[in-house]
Amino acid sequence: MPRLQYMLRCAPAFASTALGEVTRVIKDVLVTVLNIELEGDSYTQASLPVRWGGLGVRDVQSLAASSYASSTCATSALVQAILPPVLRDKPSPLVEAAIQVWRGAAGSVEPPQGEEARRQRLWDEPVCRAIFDLILTRADRTSRARLLAASSVDAGVWLHTLPLKSLGLCLSDRELTVATGLRVGAPIVRSHTCACNVRVEPTGHHGLSCRKSAGRQRRHALANDILMRAFRAAGVQAELEPHLLHGQGDKRPDGATLDSWSMGLPLAWDFTCPDTLAQSHVAQCATAAGAAATKAELGKVNKYAQLAASNSLAFAPVAIETLGSWGPSAIKLCRDLGARMTQISGDPRAHLFLMQRLGLAVQRGNAASVAGTHASEDSS
């Protein structure tokens, strides 16, 4: 792919009739690696950048014009210095052709000018937006909620994780298949009946919210273990399922620090992973990304209102949706934790690594939840 990107920038590949064949080869390789069927809008979404809800394996047909145009703008000063004076002011027909192809893909948007024209991303963004908006207009309510969640901030952070098995950062083949299939709306299971007697469609969405699926507990346990380890890496002792919290009765948050966290108060947290596509959430999530996570965090705040009112502990709900959208409290807590870990370790990427681990925990839990819909399978 780096060699292909180099060719797109250095040669007018946007005018080549072979781009369609290159796209087909890349698609076949992606289908083989992920072991999922990518057709229609599923492949179109998969070929978008991660920030636009895709998998980051780009479609060369949509990228070629942006690559060539940005490259020629970035090297124009050098080219002008090399050319003889008689040729310097003559427009390049290839650049004009590339801009015309780009306009056809980007819609009614003016091309970048000046220094901005040197950056490929600024050429690529309008094209990606046009593609994403086209998919969105064709989507039903469930697909719209999925698309908005996949393109929300940090929803695809797990896709940037280096797959280091020794550090527990490598998804299994099946987990990767389920994670990518859920992200792009591709079929991942054979249609069957769940252990709760509900029909499971090939997309496997039912398992994400089924109360009889054991994957929910696994996802919950993995995320809380990661948070506890992060607190300890930040120099703050913490424990899971803390006892003796004042005024809570039988209510117990998932974890709490033993040391002071802020303003002399320890911190308690409670993790939840609402399903983006559950019937109780899908309508709101089809309107605004992260609506289920925000609602879940407000529910946790109300549940532990007495804890905050006691002035003995601070409380932070942590909500990450099944399809990746983060709640505002979860984002803030991870940012604060990352800053403290950076102070101790000196690694400015501590915040990113924490979010990647939590993102992977959600994907592992999703895979276990989908597997849990098979009545004869032990998904624990």
Protein backbone atom coordinates (compact mmCIF):
# COMPACT_ATOMS: atom_id res chain seq x y z
CA MET A 1 0.00 0.00 0.00
CA PRO A 2 2.80 2.57 0.64
CA ARG A 3 4.21 1.81 -2.82
CA LEU A 4 0.77 2.22 -4.35
CA GLN A 5 0.32 5.52 -2.52
CA TYR A 6 3.69 6.68 -3.89
CA MET A 7 2.55 5.86 -7.42
CA LEU A 8 -0.74 7.72 -6.95
CA ARG A 9 1.19 10.84 -5.94
CA CYS A 10 3.86 10.66 -8.62
CA ALA A 11 1.87 9.58 -11.69
CA PRO A 12 -1.52 10.62 -13.14
CA ALA A 13 -3.08 7.32 -12.12
CA PHE A 14 -6.50 8.99 -11.83
CA ALA A 15 -6.71 8.76 -15.64
CA SER A 16 -5.78 5.09 -15.82
CA THR A 17 -8.31 2.49 -16.89
CA ALA A 18 -6.56 -0.04 -14.64
CA LEU A 19 -7.79 1.58 -11.40
CA GLY A 20 -10.91 -0.57 -11.38
CA GLU A 21 -8.84 -3.73 -11.53
CA VAL A 22 -6.58 -2.51 -8.71
CA THR A 23 -9.66 -1.78 -6.62
CA ARG A 24 -10.99 -5.30 -7.25
CA VAL A 25 -7.69 -6.89 -6.16
CA ILE A 26 -7.57 -4.81 -2.96
CA LYS A 27 -11.19 -5.72 -2.19
CA ASP A 28 -10.52 -9.44 -2.73
CA VAL A 29 -7.51 -9.32 -0.41
CA LEU A 30 -9.54 -7.50 2.25
CA VAL A 31 -12.39 -10.01 2.02
CA THR A 32 -9.90 -12.89 2.30
CA VAL A 33 -8.10 -11.44 5.32
CA LEU A 34 -11.24 -10.41 7.24
CA ASN A 35 -13.34 -13.39 6.13
CA ILE A 36 -16.44 -11.25 5.67
CA GLU A 37 -18.54 -10.44 2.63
CA LEU A 38 -18.07 -6.84 1.48
CA GLU A 39 -20.66 -5.76 -1.07
CA GLY A 40 -22.25 -2.46 -1.96
CA ASP A 41 -22.17 0.15 0.78
CA SER A 42 -20.31 -2.21 3.13
CA TYR A 43 -17.23 -2.05 0.93
CA THR A 44 -17.71 1.64 0.22
CA GLN A 45 -17.68 2.33 3.96
CA ALA A 46 -14.77 -0.04 4.57
CA SER A 47 -12.66 1.87 2.03
CA LEU A 48 -13.08 5.16 3.91
CA PRO A 49 -10.53 6.42 6.45
CA VAL A 50 -11.04 5.29 10.04
CA ARG A 51 -12.12 8.81 11.05
CA TRP A 52 -15.02 8.50 8.57
CA GLY A 53 -16.15 5.13 9.90
CA GLY A 54 -14.13 2.97 7.52
CA LEU A 55 -11.30 0.50 7.93
CA GLY A 56 -8.62 2.71 6.39
CA VAL A 57 -7.90 0.43 3.39
CA ARG A 58 -8.52 3.06 0.75
CA ASP A 59 -10.22 2.79 -2.61
CA VAL A 60 -7.64 3.98 -5.15
CA GLN A 61 -10.33 5.33 -7.47
CA SER A 62 -11.52 7.87 -4.89
CA LEU A 63 -8.00 8.68 -3.69
CA ALA A 64 -6.03 9.03 -6.95
CA ALA A 65 -7.03 12.57 -7.91
CA SER A 66 -6.48 13.95 -4.39
CA SER A 67 -3.06 12.30 -4.21
CA TYR A 68 -1.84 13.66 -7.54
CA ALA A 69 -3.25 17.18 -7.05
CA SER A 70 -1.75 17.60 -3.57
CA SER A 71 1.60 16.21 -4.71
CA THR A 72 1.85 18.62 -7.65
CA CYS A 73 0.98 21.56 -5.37
CA ALA A 74 3.56 20.47 -2.79
CA THR A 75 6.32 20.21 -5.42
CA SER A 76 5.34 23.19 -7.58
CA ALA A 77 8.11 25.43 -6.25
CA LEU A 78 10.76 22.82 -7.06
CA VAL A 79 9.28 22.17 -10.51
CA GLN A 80 9.20 25.89 -11.28
CA ALA A 81 12.87 26.17 -10.30
CA ILE A 82 13.83 23.31 -12.62
CA LEU A 83 11.80 24.34 -15.67
CA PRO A 84 13.15 26.91 -18.14
CA PRO A 85 11.44 30.33 -17.95
CA VAL A 86 9.49 29.75 -21.15
CA LEU A 87 7.62 26.82 -19.57
CA ARG A 88 7.09 28.09 -16.03
CA ASP A 89 3.81 29.91 -16.53
CA LYS A 90 2.15 27.31 -18.73
CA PRO A 91 -0.66 25.40 -16.96
CA SER A 92 -0.30 21.66 -16.66
CA PRO A 93 -3.10 19.79 -18.46
CA LEU A 94 -2.61 16.83 -16.11
CA VAL A 95 -3.15 18.99 -13.02
CA GLU A 96 -6.26 20.53 -14.55
CA ALA A 97 -7.57 17.05 -15.40
CA ALA A 98 -6.90 15.87 -11.84
CA ILE A 99 -8.83 18.83 -10.42
CA GLN A 100 -11.76 18.10 -12.72
CA VAL A 101 -11.85 14.47 -11.56
CA TRP A 102 -11.59 15.69 -7.97
CA ARG A 103 -14.51 18.09 -8.45
CA GLY A 104 -16.61 15.23 -9.77
CA ALA A 105 -15.98 13.26 -6.58
CA ALA A 106 -16.04 16.12 -4.03
CA GLY A 107 -19.11 17.93 -5.31
CA SER A 108 -19.62 21.70 -5.12
CA VAL A 109 -16.53 22.40 -3.02
CA GLU A 110 -13.65 24.66 -3.96
CA PRO A 111 -10.22 23.01 -4.05
CA PRO A 112 -7.68 23.95 -1.35
CA GLN A 113 -5.54 26.99 -2.05
CA GLY A 114 -2.10 28.20 -1.00
CA GLU A 115 -0.33 26.21 1.69
CA GLU A 116 -3.43 24.11 2.30
CA ALA A 117 -3.19 22.73 -1.24
CA ARG A 118 0.04 20.96 -0.26
CA ARG A 119 -1.77 18.67 2.19
CA GLN A 120 -3.39 15.56 0.75
CA ARG A 121 -5.82 15.23 3.65
CA LEU A 122 -7.41 18.59 2.83
CA TRP A 123 -8.06 17.38 -0.72
CA ASP A 124 -9.28 14.01 0.54
CA GLU A 125 -11.71 15.26 3.21
CA PRO A 126 -14.39 16.66 0.83
CA VAL A 127 -14.30 13.43 -1.19
CA CYS A 128 -14.71 11.31 1.94
CA ARG A 129 -17.51 13.55 3.17
CA ALA A 130 -19.35 13.22 -0.14
CA ILE A 131 -19.02 9.42 -0.07
CA PHE A 132 -20.12 9.21 3.57
CA ASP A 133 -23.11 11.50 2.99
CA LEU A 134 -24.16 9.39 0.01
CA ILE A 135 -24.08 6.21 2.12
CA LEU A 136 -25.98 8.01 4.87
CA THR A 137 -28.78 9.10 2.54
CA ARG A 138 -29.32 5.49 1.44
CA ALA A 139 -29.23 4.08 4.99
CA ASP A 140 -32.20 2.90 7.02
CA ARG A 141 -32.50 3.87 10.69
CA THR A 142 -30.32 1.03 11.99
CA SER A 143 -27.62 1.59 9.38
CA ARG A 144 -27.69 5.32 10.04
CA ALA A 145 -27.11 4.76 13.77
CA ARG A 146 -24.25 2.39 12.93
CA LEU A 147 -22.64 4.85 10.51
CA LEU A 148 -22.85 7.78 12.92
CA ALA A 149 -21.38 5.69 15.73
CA ALA A 150 -18.55 4.32 13.59
CA SER A 151 -17.56 7.84 12.46
CA SER A 152 -17.74 9.44 15.92
CA VAL A 153 -14.61 10.67 17.68
CA ASP A 154 -12.38 7.81 18.95
CA ALA A 155 -14.85 5.11 17.84
CA GLY A 156 -12.17 3.57 15.62
CA VAL A 157 -9.25 4.03 18.00
CA TRP A 158 -8.89 0.25 18.35
CA LEU A 159 -8.11 -0.01 14.62
CA HIS A 160 -4.88 1.93 15.18
CA THR A 161 -3.61 -0.49 17.84
CA LEU A 162 -0.36 -2.30 17.08
CA PRO A 163 -1.30 -6.03 17.22
CA LEU A 164 1.26 -7.10 19.82
CA LYS A 165 0.23 -10.49 21.17
CA SER A 166 2.73 -10.33 24.06
CA LEU A 167 0.94 -7.21 25.38
CA GLY A 168 -2.56 -8.59 24.89
CA LEU A 169 -3.27 -6.19 22.01
CA CYS A 170 -4.00 -8.75 19.31
CA LEU A 171 -7.55 -9.70 18.42
CA SER A 172 -8.17 -13.28 17.41
CA ASP A 173 -9.24 -14.00 13.83
CA ARG A 174 -12.85 -14.41 14.87
CA GLU A 175 -12.84 -11.28 17.03
CA LEU A 176 -11.46 -9.25 14.13
CA THR A 177 -14.08 -10.66 11.77
CA VAL A 178 -16.92 -9.77 14.14
CA ALA A 179 -15.49 -6.32 14.98
CA THR A 180 -15.07 -5.27 11.35
CA GLY A 181 -18.36 -6.84 10.27
CA LEU A 182 -20.29 -4.95 12.94
CA ARG A 183 -18.53 -1.72 11.96
CA VAL A 184 -19.39 -1.87 8.26
CA GLY A 185 -22.71 -3.72 8.51
CA ALA A 186 -21.56 -6.92 6.81
CA PRO A 187 -23.05 -10.37 7.57
CA ILE A 188 -21.05 -12.22 10.22
CA VAL A 189 -23.22 -15.20 11.23
CA ARG A 190 -25.71 -17.58 9.68
CA SER A 191 -29.31 -16.69 10.49
CA HIS A 192 -30.35 -18.75 13.55
CA THR A 193 -32.40 -18.74 16.73
CA CYS A 194 -30.81 -17.32 19.89
CA ALA A 195 -30.81 -19.07 23.24
CA CYS A 196 -33.58 -16.62 24.22
CA ASN A 197 -35.71 -17.82 21.25
CA VAL A 198 -35.27 -14.59 19.26
CA ARG A 199 -34.34 -14.77 15.59
CA VAL A 200 -30.75 -13.63 14.96
CA GLU A 201 -30.17 -11.93 11.62
CA PRO A 202 -26.88 -12.40 9.67
CA THR A 203 -25.60 -9.05 10.97
CA GLY A 204 -25.51 -10.53 14.50
CA HIS A 205 -26.80 -7.38 16.18
CA HIS A 206 -29.12 -9.20 18.58
CA GLY A 207 -26.22 -10.66 20.57
CA LEU A 208 -24.97 -7.21 21.55
CA SER A 209 -27.97 -6.58 23.78
CA CYS A 210 -29.25 -10.09 24.56
CA ARG A 211 -29.34 -10.54 28.33
CA LYS A 212 -28.63 -14.26 28.00
CA SER A 213 -25.37 -13.66 26.17
CA ALA A 214 -22.33 -14.21 28.40
CA GLY A 215 -20.24 -11.74 26.39
CA ARG A 216 -21.75 -8.82 28.28
CA GLN A 217 -20.06 -9.95 31.49
CA ARG A 218 -16.73 -10.48 29.73
CA ARG A 219 -16.79 -7.01 28.20
CA HIS A 220 -17.60 -5.49 31.59
CA ALA A 221 -14.84 -7.38 33.40
CA LEU A 222 -12.17 -6.58 30.78
CA ALA A 223 -12.91 -2.86 30.78
CA ASN A 224 -12.86 -2.56 34.57
CA ASP A 225 -9.61 -4.48 34.82
CA ILE A 226 -8.03 -2.09 32.29
CA LEU A 227 -9.25 0.93 34.26
CA MET A 228 -7.94 -0.44 37.54
CA ARG A 229 -4.51 -1.08 36.00
CA ALA A 230 -4.52 2.43 34.52
CA PHE A 231 -5.17 3.98 37.94
CA ARG A 232 -2.30 2.01 39.40
CA ALA A 233 -0.04 3.01 36.50
CA ALA A 234 -0.95 6.61 37.32
CA GLY A 235 0.30 6.10 40.89
CA VAL A 236 -3.18 5.80 42.43
CA GLN A 237 -4.18 2.62 44.25
CA ALA A 238 -7.59 1.29 43.26
CA GLU A 239 -9.80 -1.76 43.83
CA LEU A 240 -12.72 -3.38 42.07
CA GLU A 241 -16.16 -3.77 43.69
CA PRO A 242 -15.25 -1.65 46.73
CA HIS A 243 -16.89 -2.27 50.10
CA LEU A 244 -17.94 0.15 52.84
CA LEU A 245 -19.03 3.06 50.65
CA HIS A 246 -21.06 5.47 52.77
CA GLY A 247 -24.79 5.65 52.15
CA GLN A 248 -24.94 3.26 49.20
CA GLY A 249 -26.66 0.28 50.75
CA ASP A 250 -26.49 -2.62 48.28
CA LYS A 251 -25.40 -0.34 45.42
CA ARG A 252 -21.76 -0.87 44.58
CA PRO A 253 -19.83 0.86 41.78
CA ASP A 254 -17.42 -1.17 39.71
CA GLY A 255 -14.31 0.34 41.26
CA ALA A 256 -12.91 3.05 43.47
CA THR A 257 -9.54 4.53 44.28
CA LEU A 258 -8.07 4.02 47.72
CA ASP A 259 -6.01 7.19 47.43
CA SER A 260 -7.29 10.71 46.88
CA TRP A 261 -7.96 11.46 43.23
CA SER A 262 -8.88 15.15 43.21
CA MET A 263 -9.59 17.84 45.81
CA GLY A 264 -8.76 15.35 48.55
CA LEU A 265 -11.52 12.94 47.50
CA PRO A 266 -11.19 9.35 46.24
CA LEU A 267 -12.90 8.51 42.94
CA ALA A 268 -15.47 5.81 42.25
CA TRP A 269 -16.32 4.72 38.71
CA ASP A 270 -18.93 2.52 37.09
CA PHE A 271 -18.55 1.12 33.58
CA THR A 272 -21.38 0.39 31.18
CA CYS A 273 -21.56 -0.54 27.50
CA PRO A 274 -24.98 0.31 26.04
CA ASP A 275 -25.84 -1.21 22.68
CA THR A 276 -26.01 1.41 19.95
CA LEU A 277 -28.53 -0.65 17.96
CA ALA A 278 -30.81 -1.76 20.81
CA GLN A 279 -34.47 -0.91 20.25
CA SER A 280 -34.39 1.52 23.19
CA HIS A 281 -31.44 3.45 21.75
CA VAL A 282 -31.43 3.14 17.96
CA ALA A 283 -33.81 6.05 17.28
CA GLN A 284 -31.70 8.49 19.30
CA CYS A 285 -28.42 7.12 17.94
CA ALA A 286 -29.70 7.53 14.38
CA THR A 287 -30.03 11.26 15.15
CA ALA A 288 -26.87 11.93 17.17
CA ALA A 289 -23.76 9.81 17.61
CA GLY A 290 -23.10 8.84 21.22
CA ALA A 291 -26.67 9.40 22.39
CA ALA A 292 -26.83 6.00 24.09
CA ALA A 293 -23.52 6.56 25.90
CA THR A 294 -24.58 10.01 27.11
CA LYS A 295 -27.93 8.64 28.33
CA ALA A 296 -26.22 5.73 30.11
CA GLU A 297 -23.82 8.07 31.91
CA LEU A 298 -26.70 10.24 33.10
CA GLY A 299 -28.41 7.10 34.38
CA LYS A 300 -25.31 6.12 36.35
CA VAL A 301 -25.05 9.63 37.84
CA ASN A 302 -28.66 9.40 39.03
CA LYS A 303 -28.11 5.89 40.39
CA TYR A 304 -25.17 6.99 42.52
CA ALA A 305 -26.47 10.46 43.37
CA GLN A 306 -26.22 9.73 47.11
CA LEU A 307 -22.57 8.86 46.68
CA ALA A 308 -21.77 12.28 45.25
CA ALA A 309 -24.02 14.01 47.78
CA SER A 310 -22.13 12.43 50.69
CA ASN A 311 -19.04 14.51 49.80
CA SER A 312 -16.87 11.50 50.62
CA LEU A 313 -16.14 10.38 47.03
CA ALA A 314 -16.20 11.80 43.55
CA PHE A 315 -18.01 9.71 40.95
CA ALA A 316 -17.32 9.21 37.22
CA PRO A 317 -19.54 7.09 34.96
CA VAL A 318 -17.74 5.42 32.04
CA ALA A 319 -19.91 4.57 29.03
CA ILE A 320 -18.65 3.22 25.70
CA GLU A 321 -21.22 2.00 23.19
CA THR A 322 -20.94 -1.37 21.49
CA LEU A 323 -20.18 0.35 18.17
CA GLY A 324 -17.54 2.60 19.69
CA SER A 325 -19.06 5.95 20.63
CA TRP A 326 -17.72 7.36 23.92
CA GLY A 327 -19.64 9.22 26.59
CA PRO A 328 -18.31 12.64 27.68
CA SER A 329 -17.43 11.46 31.19
CA ALA A 330 -15.52 8.47 29.82
CA ILE A 331 -13.50 10.75 27.52
CA LYS A 332 -12.66 13.13 30.39
CA LEU A 333 -11.64 10.34 32.78
CA CYS A 334 -9.36 8.72 30.19
CA ARG A 335 -7.82 12.09 29.38
CA ASP A 336 -7.09 12.76 33.07
CA LEU A 337 -5.75 9.25 33.60
CA GLY A 338 -3.57 9.52 30.50
CA ALA A 339 -2.11 12.83 31.67
CA ARG A 340 -1.15 11.33 35.03
CA MET A 341 0.36 8.25 33.42
CA THR A 342 2.37 10.50 31.12
CA GLN A 343 3.76 12.37 34.12
CA ILE A 344 5.02 9.11 35.60
CA SER A 345 6.16 7.26 32.46
CA GLY A 346 7.11 10.22 30.29
CA ASP A 347 5.26 8.65 27.36
CA PRO A 348 2.89 11.19 25.74
CA ARG A 349 0.98 8.32 24.13
CA ALA A 350 -0.33 6.95 27.45
CA HIS A 351 -3.78 8.44 26.87
CA LEU A 352 -3.97 6.91 23.38
CA PHE A 353 -2.85 3.49 24.60
CA LEU A 354 -5.50 3.50 27.35
CA MET A 355 -8.28 4.30 24.88
CA GLN A 356 -7.01 1.63 22.50
CA ARG A 357 -7.11 -1.02 25.25
CA LEU A 358 -10.65 -0.05 26.22
CA GLY A 359 -11.70 -0.10 22.57
CA LEU A 360 -10.27 -3.60 22.16
CA ALA A 361 -12.07 -4.74 25.35
CA VAL A 362 -15.40 -3.63 23.85
CA GLN A 363 -14.66 -5.47 20.58
CA ARG A 364 -13.70 -8.66 22.42
CA GLY A 365 -16.91 -8.43 24.41
CA ASN A 366 -18.91 -7.88 21.24
CA ALA A 367 -17.43 -11.01 19.67
CA ALA A 368 -18.25 -13.04 22.78
CA SER A 369 -21.78 -11.60 22.83
CA VAL A 370 -22.38 -12.60 19.21
CA ALA A 371 -21.04 -16.09 19.94
CA GLY A 372 -23.33 -16.29 22.96
CA THR A 373 -26.42 -16.34 20.74
CA HIS A 374 -25.67 -19.95 19.80
CA ALA A 375 -27.56 -22.11 22.29
CA SER A 376 -25.12 -25.02 21.92
CA GLU A 377 -21.97 -22.90 22.25
CA ASP A 378 -20.19 -22.17 25.51
CA SER A 379 -19.22 -18.51 24.95
CA SER A 380 -17.79 -17.96 28.43
